[in-house]
Amino acid sequence: MRRIVLFDGECHFCDASVQFILARDQKATFQFAALQSEVGQALLKELSVPNDVNSLVLIEGSHYHTKSTAALKIAKQLDGLWKLLYGVMITPRPIRDTVYRYIAKNRYKWFGKKEVCQLPSVEQRERFL
């Protein structure tokens, strides 16, 4: 099953999150694309993702997940103890998503916006769409 992480390509926190995932995804489970890219926009349209989604989308096959569900499903696939975070899924989605929305709303203020993207290594490049 294809697993694609769509991320905000202008956000320092989101870029750091992608680097975090890359470092803990030795099986190369995930591929990546910026939400703002042509590929990202095409995938959003193909899956009919609502227009107000602007921070994180996980595509698994023909389904997508957003907000805290996306983050926790990503954590479940990572190497090490990070998969234990998936246990937070027992928390009702409205509570999880309230925390997620607070972080997402403040991400530019706390971490800033990027003018240029970090280039992936040769090994990582094939994982970016």
Protein backbone atom coordinates (compact mmCIF):
# COMPACT_ATOMS: atom_id res chain seq x y z
CA MET A 1 0.00 0.00 0.00
CA ARG A 2 1.35 3.42 -0.89
CA ARG A 3 1.77 5.78 2.04
CA ILE A 4 2.34 9.41 1.18
CA VAL A 5 2.85 12.24 3.65
CA LEU A 6 1.71 15.62 2.34
CA PHE A 7 3.23 18.42 4.40
CA ASP A 8 3.30 22.21 4.47
CA GLY A 9 6.42 23.00 2.46
CA GLU A 10 6.67 26.52 3.90
CA CYS A 11 6.72 25.50 7.57
CA HIS A 12 9.94 24.94 9.54
CA PHE A 13 8.15 22.64 11.99
CA CYS A 14 6.69 20.57 9.14
CA ASP A 15 10.10 20.28 7.47
CA ALA A 16 11.63 19.18 10.77
CA SER A 17 8.82 16.62 11.07
CA VAL A 18 9.63 15.21 7.62
CA GLN A 19 13.31 14.95 8.60
CA PHE A 20 12.24 13.23 11.84
CA ILE A 21 10.16 10.70 9.90
CA LEU A 22 12.95 10.05 7.38
CA ALA A 23 15.40 9.30 10.19
CA ARG A 24 13.01 6.80 11.80
CA ASP A 25 11.58 5.13 8.70
CA GLN A 26 14.35 2.70 7.77
CA LYS A 27 11.89 0.54 5.79
CA ALA A 28 11.11 3.54 3.55
CA THR A 29 7.39 3.16 4.24
CA PHE A 30 6.60 6.79 3.42
CA GLN A 31 6.95 9.00 0.38
CA PHE A 32 6.62 12.77 0.67
CA ALA A 33 5.26 15.76 -1.21
CA ALA A 34 4.60 19.35 -0.22
CA LEU A 35 0.94 20.33 -0.11
CA GLN A 36 1.81 23.31 -2.32
CA SER A 37 3.50 21.21 -5.03
CA GLU A 38 1.80 20.13 -8.26
CA VAL A 39 1.90 16.52 -7.05
CA GLY A 40 0.47 17.48 -3.67
CA GLN A 41 -2.32 19.51 -5.23
CA ALA A 42 -3.17 16.69 -7.66
CA LEU A 43 -3.35 14.14 -4.82
CA LEU A 44 -5.56 16.43 -2.73
CA LYS A 45 -7.92 16.86 -5.66
CA GLU A 46 -7.88 13.15 -6.57
CA LEU A 47 -8.91 12.18 -3.04
CA SER A 48 -11.34 15.10 -2.58
CA VAL A 49 -9.52 16.38 0.50
CA PRO A 50 -11.29 19.51 1.84
CA ASN A 51 -9.70 22.82 0.78
CA ASP A 52 -9.15 23.96 4.38
CA VAL A 53 -6.58 21.22 5.08
CA ASN A 54 -3.23 23.02 5.20
CA SER A 55 -0.81 21.18 7.47
CA LEU A 56 -0.60 17.36 7.28
CA VAL A 57 -2.25 14.66 5.21
CA LEU A 58 -1.41 10.97 5.26
CA ILE A 59 -2.52 9.04 2.20
CA GLU A 60 -2.84 5.28 2.65
CA GLY A 61 -3.87 3.64 -0.59
CA SER A 62 -7.07 5.38 -1.67
CA HIS A 63 -7.86 6.82 1.78
CA TYR A 64 -6.54 9.89 3.55
CA HIS A 65 -6.16 10.97 7.16
CA THR A 66 -5.65 14.45 8.56
CA LYS A 67 -4.71 16.18 11.79
CA SER A 68 -3.98 14.00 14.84
CA THR A 69 -5.07 10.79 13.13
CA ALA A 70 -2.51 11.32 10.37
CA ALA A 71 0.26 12.10 12.88
CA LEU A 72 -0.51 9.06 15.03
CA LYS A 73 -0.78 6.70 12.04
CA ILE A 74 2.63 7.94 10.90
CA ALA A 75 4.08 7.39 14.41
CA LYS A 76 2.73 3.83 14.37
CA GLN A 77 4.95 3.01 11.37
CA LEU A 78 8.18 4.53 12.73
CA ASP A 79 11.13 2.60 14.11
CA GLY A 80 11.63 2.41 17.86
CA LEU A 81 9.24 3.34 20.61
CA TRP A 82 7.49 6.04 18.57
CA LYS A 83 4.84 3.51 17.56
CA LEU A 84 3.64 3.54 21.17
CA LEU A 85 2.21 7.01 20.56
CA TYR A 86 -0.49 5.28 18.53
CA GLY A 87 -2.08 4.42 21.87
CA VAL A 88 -3.23 8.04 22.04
CA MET A 89 -5.85 7.02 19.42
CA ILE A 90 -8.07 5.91 22.31
CA THR A 91 -8.48 9.61 23.14
CA PRO A 92 -11.59 10.91 21.39
CA ARG A 93 -10.77 12.57 18.07
CA PRO A 94 -12.26 15.98 19.01
CA ILE A 95 -9.85 16.21 21.96
CA ARG A 96 -6.84 15.04 19.92
CA ASP A 97 -7.69 17.39 17.07
CA THR A 98 -8.12 20.37 19.41
CA VAL A 99 -4.49 19.94 20.49
CA TYR A 100 -3.40 19.37 16.89
CA ARG A 101 -5.25 22.49 15.65
CA TYR A 102 -3.65 24.62 18.39
CA ILE A 103 -0.16 23.54 17.31
CA ALA A 104 -0.98 23.87 13.60
CA LYS A 105 -2.48 27.33 14.09
CA ASN A 106 0.66 28.60 15.86
CA ARG A 107 3.32 26.76 13.85
CA TYR A 108 4.42 29.79 11.82
CA LYS A 109 4.52 32.02 14.89
CA TRP A 110 6.54 29.51 16.92
CA PHE A 111 8.78 28.01 14.24
CA GLY A 112 8.65 30.46 11.32
CA LYS A 113 8.13 30.13 7.59
CA LYS A 114 10.66 28.84 5.08
CA GLU A 115 11.77 30.74 2.02
CA VAL A 116 13.71 27.79 0.60
CA CYS A 117 13.50 24.06 1.15
CA GLN A 118 16.33 21.84 2.32
CA LEU A 119 17.44 19.54 -0.46
CA PRO A 120 17.11 15.86 0.38
CA SER A 121 20.12 13.56 0.19
CA VAL A 122 20.55 11.33 -2.84
CA GLU A 123 19.10 8.39 -0.89
CA GLN A 124 16.12 10.43 0.28
CA ARG A 125 15.41 12.07 -3.08
CA GLU A 126 13.62 9.03 -4.48
CA ARG A 127 11.12 9.22 -1.62
CA PHE A 128 9.96 12.73 -2.62
CA LEU A 129 7.29 12.97 -5.28
